[in-house]
């Protein structure tokens, strides 16, 4: 899965669980090493639209 690989390939990302059915990705990451903007950009580069979902 390209989205999972793209996210998990970023420094600071420990895990990415992606569900195309739910149109959702849950990412465990170190905010000191990667920003949410970088996560979104990685998905956008693949041709998908990404945004943050509430929940902290």
Protein backbone atom coordinates (compact mmCIF):
# COMPACT_ATOMS: atom_id res chain seq x y z
CA UNK A 1 0.00 0.00 0.00
CA UNK A 2 1.65 3.20 -1.21
CA UNK A 3 0.16 5.53 1.39
CA UNK A 4 1.29 3.34 4.29
CA UNK A 5 4.80 3.06 2.81
CA UNK A 6 5.01 6.81 2.19
CA UNK A 7 4.00 7.64 5.74
CA UNK A 8 6.16 5.00 7.40
CA UNK A 9 9.09 6.13 5.26
CA UNK A 10 9.12 9.54 6.95
CA UNK A 11 11.57 10.04 9.82
CA UNK A 12 9.74 9.94 13.12
CA UNK A 13 6.80 7.83 11.96
CA UNK A 14 6.55 4.62 13.96
CA UNK A 15 3.33 3.26 12.47
CA UNK A 16 0.64 4.07 9.93
CA UNK A 17 -2.65 2.21 9.69
CA UNK A 18 -4.51 3.13 6.51
CA UNK A 19 -8.12 2.34 5.63
CA UNK A 20 -9.30 3.39 2.18
CA UNK A 21 -12.78 2.13 3.04
CA UNK A 22 -13.01 4.53 5.98
CA UNK A 23 -10.95 7.21 4.19
CA UNK A 24 -8.71 7.40 7.24
CA UNK A 25 -5.12 6.93 8.34
CA UNK A 26 -4.03 6.64 11.95
CA UNK A 27 -0.39 7.58 12.38
CA UNK A 28 1.84 7.17 15.40
CA UNK A 29 4.70 9.63 15.11
CA UNK A 30 7.21 11.76 16.98
CA UNK A 31 6.19 15.41 16.50
CA UNK A 32 9.77 16.47 17.25
CA UNK A 33 10.88 14.67 14.06
CA UNK A 34 7.99 15.09 11.62
CA UNK A 35 5.15 17.59 11.38
CA UNK A 36 1.53 16.98 10.50
CA UNK A 37 2.11 19.16 7.43
CA UNK A 38 4.82 16.73 6.27
CA UNK A 39 2.45 13.80 6.78
CA UNK A 40 -0.22 15.54 4.69
CA UNK A 41 2.30 16.46 1.98
CA UNK A 42 3.44 12.82 1.71
CA UNK A 43 -0.15 11.74 1.03
CA UNK A 44 -0.86 14.66 -1.31
CA UNK A 45 2.20 13.75 -3.41
CA UNK A 46 0.55 10.41 -4.15
CA UNK A 47 -2.52 12.16 -5.55
CA UNK A 48 -4.76 11.79 -2.52
CA UNK A 49 -6.28 14.57 -0.44
CA UNK A 50 -5.44 14.62 3.24
CA UNK A 51 -6.52 16.70 6.21
CA UNK A 52 -6.41 16.39 9.97
CA UNK A 53 -9.30 14.85 11.80
CA UNK A 54 -10.11 15.98 15.34
CA UNK A 55 -9.29 13.83 18.30
CA UNK A 56 -5.88 15.06 19.46
